[in-house]
């Protein structure tokens, strides 16, 4: 594979593919993941008998809570009879994310580098529901539709995909 080329490598048969740039680095290769602060270096383990032993592959991982790579517009609806805060993981409940009973609203929410958006419904400091929605890279027509409804006996917080 030539230097600077992009390669897709499946890492989870269910839903994930990583994309990045493969470049020559000394006797080995360097793989920089696209939109991720992760670099993987590959070094050949063989070689001439007089050559120094190769270093093992190293990985530099992103911090547990990486900075958002994008934002997306989420549609929020509170179908219950009391106000609720619908937040994204990492946010604090406050006036900006309070949704009144019967209110439909929309707001920008951050998308994590793994394209996941964890939504949380909170009232009086208690978590009432949690759901994760996965964005579709390259498809801005898909948007999360978040509904909080206490009357739902199975899941009070639901997240579906809406189309713009």
Protein backbone atom coordinates (compact mmCIF):
# COMPACT_ATOMS: atom_id res chain seq x y z
CA UNK A 1 0.00 0.00 0.00
CA UNK A 2 1.57 3.36 -0.97
CA UNK A 3 2.31 6.10 1.55
CA UNK A 4 -0.58 8.44 2.36
CA UNK A 5 -3.30 6.07 1.24
CA UNK A 6 -6.52 5.56 3.18
CA UNK A 7 -7.64 2.13 4.29
CA UNK A 8 -10.82 0.86 5.97
CA UNK A 9 -10.25 -1.82 8.59
CA UNK A 10 -13.26 -3.60 10.16
CA UNK A 11 -12.97 -3.74 13.95
CA UNK A 12 -16.45 -4.89 14.87
CA UNK A 13 -18.66 -6.82 12.47
CA UNK A 14 -21.80 -5.27 13.94
CA UNK A 15 -21.41 -1.62 13.06
CA UNK A 16 -17.94 -0.14 13.17
CA UNK A 17 -15.26 0.53 10.58
CA UNK A 18 -12.22 2.66 11.19
CA UNK A 19 -10.70 4.88 8.52
CA UNK A 20 -7.25 6.34 8.52
CA UNK A 21 -4.03 7.10 6.72
CA UNK A 22 -1.20 4.56 6.38
CA UNK A 23 2.30 6.02 5.96
CA UNK A 24 5.80 4.55 5.84
CA UNK A 25 7.80 5.29 9.00
CA UNK A 26 11.38 4.00 9.04
CA UNK A 27 11.28 0.21 8.76
CA UNK A 28 7.60 0.08 9.76
CA UNK A 29 4.27 1.74 9.14
CA UNK A 30 2.19 4.37 10.96
CA UNK A 31 -1.63 4.24 10.91
CA UNK A 32 -3.38 7.52 11.89
CA UNK A 33 -7.09 7.06 12.50
CA UNK A 34 -9.26 9.67 10.80
CA UNK A 35 -11.06 12.03 13.24
CA UNK A 36 -9.48 10.28 16.22
CA UNK A 37 -6.49 11.15 18.41
CA UNK A 38 -5.18 7.58 18.06
CA UNK A 39 -2.02 6.49 16.26
CA UNK A 40 -0.96 2.87 15.78
CA UNK A 41 2.62 2.08 14.72
CA UNK A 42 3.53 -1.23 13.11
CA UNK A 43 7.14 -2.38 13.16
CA UNK A 44 8.40 -5.57 11.46
CA UNK A 45 9.55 -8.21 13.93
CA UNK A 46 11.97 -9.94 11.53
CA UNK A 47 15.07 -8.61 9.80
CA UNK A 48 18.77 -9.27 9.42
CA UNK A 49 20.49 -11.18 12.23
CA UNK A 50 22.68 -8.18 13.00
CA UNK A 51 19.77 -5.75 13.21
CA UNK A 52 18.57 -4.56 16.58
CA UNK A 53 15.32 -6.13 17.72
CA UNK A 54 12.26 -4.21 16.60
CA UNK A 55 10.13 -2.39 19.12
CA UNK A 56 6.67 -3.84 19.69
CA UNK A 57 3.69 -1.98 18.18
CA UNK A 58 2.55 0.94 20.32
CA UNK A 59 -0.85 2.55 20.66
CA UNK A 60 -1.61 5.98 22.01
CA UNK A 61 -5.27 6.00 23.06
CA UNK A 62 -7.60 8.97 23.34
CA UNK A 63 -8.66 10.20 26.77
CA UNK A 64 -11.81 8.62 28.18
CA UNK A 65 -13.92 11.71 27.35
CA UNK A 66 -12.58 13.03 24.04
CA UNK A 67 -13.68 16.40 22.70
CA UNK A 68 -16.72 16.30 20.43
CA UNK A 69 -15.86 16.02 16.74
CA UNK A 70 -19.15 17.46 15.45
CA UNK A 71 -22.59 18.68 16.44
CA UNK A 72 -26.00 17.58 15.24
CA UNK A 73 -29.50 19.02 15.69
CA UNK A 74 -31.62 16.84 18.02
CA UNK A 75 -35.42 17.01 18.26
CA UNK A 76 -36.67 16.79 21.88
CA UNK A 77 -40.21 16.19 23.15
CA UNK A 78 -41.50 15.90 26.72
CA UNK A 79 -44.75 13.90 26.66
CA UNK A 80 -44.98 13.77 30.47
CA UNK A 81 -46.89 16.02 32.88
CA UNK A 82 -43.78 17.43 34.60
CA UNK A 83 -40.66 19.23 33.36
CA UNK A 84 -37.57 17.14 32.64
CA UNK A 85 -33.97 17.88 31.67
CA UNK A 86 -32.83 16.03 28.55
CA UNK A 87 -29.05 16.22 28.47
CA UNK A 88 -26.14 14.63 26.67
CA UNK A 89 -23.60 12.75 28.77
CA UNK A 90 -21.11 15.25 30.21
CA UNK A 91 -23.62 18.11 30.49
CA UNK A 92 -25.20 19.40 33.69
CA UNK A 93 -28.97 19.87 34.10
CA UNK A 94 -29.84 23.54 33.72
CA UNK A 95 -32.28 25.99 32.12
CA UNK A 96 -30.85 25.43 28.61
CA UNK A 97 -31.80 21.74 28.58
CA UNK A 98 -35.07 21.87 30.55
CA UNK A 99 -38.05 20.68 28.52
CA UNK A 100 -41.50 21.66 29.80
CA UNK A 101 -44.51 19.26 29.72
CA UNK A 102 -45.81 18.96 26.15
CA UNK A 103 -42.93 21.04 24.78
CA UNK A 104 -41.24 20.19 21.48
CA UNK A 105 -37.87 21.80 20.94
CA UNK A 106 -34.60 21.23 19.14
CA UNK A 107 -30.99 22.02 19.96
CA UNK A 108 -27.48 21.23 18.85
CA UNK A 109 -25.80 18.39 20.70
CA UNK A 110 -22.18 17.19 20.48
CA UNK A 111 -21.34 13.97 18.66
CA UNK A 112 -18.55 11.90 20.18
CA UNK A 113 -15.69 10.74 17.94
CA UNK A 114 -17.26 7.24 17.91
CA UNK A 115 -20.47 8.84 16.46
CA UNK A 116 -22.48 8.07 19.61
CA UNK A 117 -24.73 10.51 21.46
CA UNK A 118 -25.74 9.34 24.97
CA UNK A 119 -29.01 11.07 25.99
CA UNK A 120 -30.07 11.21 29.65
CA UNK A 121 -33.41 12.30 31.17
CA UNK A 122 -33.08 13.86 34.65
CA UNK A 123 -35.56 15.29 37.14
CA UNK A 124 -34.71 16.50 40.66
CA UNK A 125 -31.21 15.04 40.37
CA UNK A 126 -32.53 11.54 39.56
CA UNK A 127 -31.72 9.81 36.27
CA UNK A 128 -35.02 8.65 34.75
CA UNK A 129 -33.70 7.11 31.55
CA UNK A 130 -30.63 6.76 29.35
CA UNK A 131 -30.40 5.96 25.64
CA UNK A 132 -27.56 6.07 23.09
CA UNK A 133 -28.18 7.15 19.48
CA UNK A 134 -25.56 6.54 16.80
CA UNK A 135 -25.08 9.18 14.12
CA UNK A 136 -24.49 8.21 10.50
CA UNK A 137 -21.22 9.73 9.28
CA UNK A 138 -21.76 11.66 6.09
CA UNK A 139 -25.59 11.63 6.28
CA UNK A 140 -26.85 14.97 7.66
CA UNK A 141 -30.47 14.05 6.84
CA UNK A 142 -30.63 11.69 9.86
CA UNK A 143 -31.35 13.27 13.24
CA UNK A 144 -32.09 11.95 16.74
CA UNK A 145 -35.69 12.30 17.92
CA UNK A 146 -35.75 12.06 21.73
CA UNK A 147 -39.07 11.50 23.55
CA UNK A 148 -39.55 11.40 27.31
CA UNK A 149 -42.86 9.82 28.40
CA UNK A 150 -43.45 8.59 31.95
CA UNK A 151 -46.57 6.70 30.84
CA UNK A 152 -44.47 4.31 28.76
CA UNK A 153 -44.25 1.17 30.96
CA UNK A 154 -41.12 -0.11 29.22
CA UNK A 155 -38.82 2.81 28.47
CA UNK A 156 -39.48 6.34 29.66
CA UNK A 157 -36.80 7.73 27.32
CA UNK A 158 -36.82 6.67 23.67
CA UNK A 159 -34.59 7.80 20.82
CA UNK A 160 -35.46 7.14 17.20
CA UNK A 161 -34.05 8.38 13.91
CA UNK A 162 -35.84 11.16 12.09
CA UNK A 163 -35.20 12.35 8.55
CA UNK A 164 -34.85 16.01 7.55
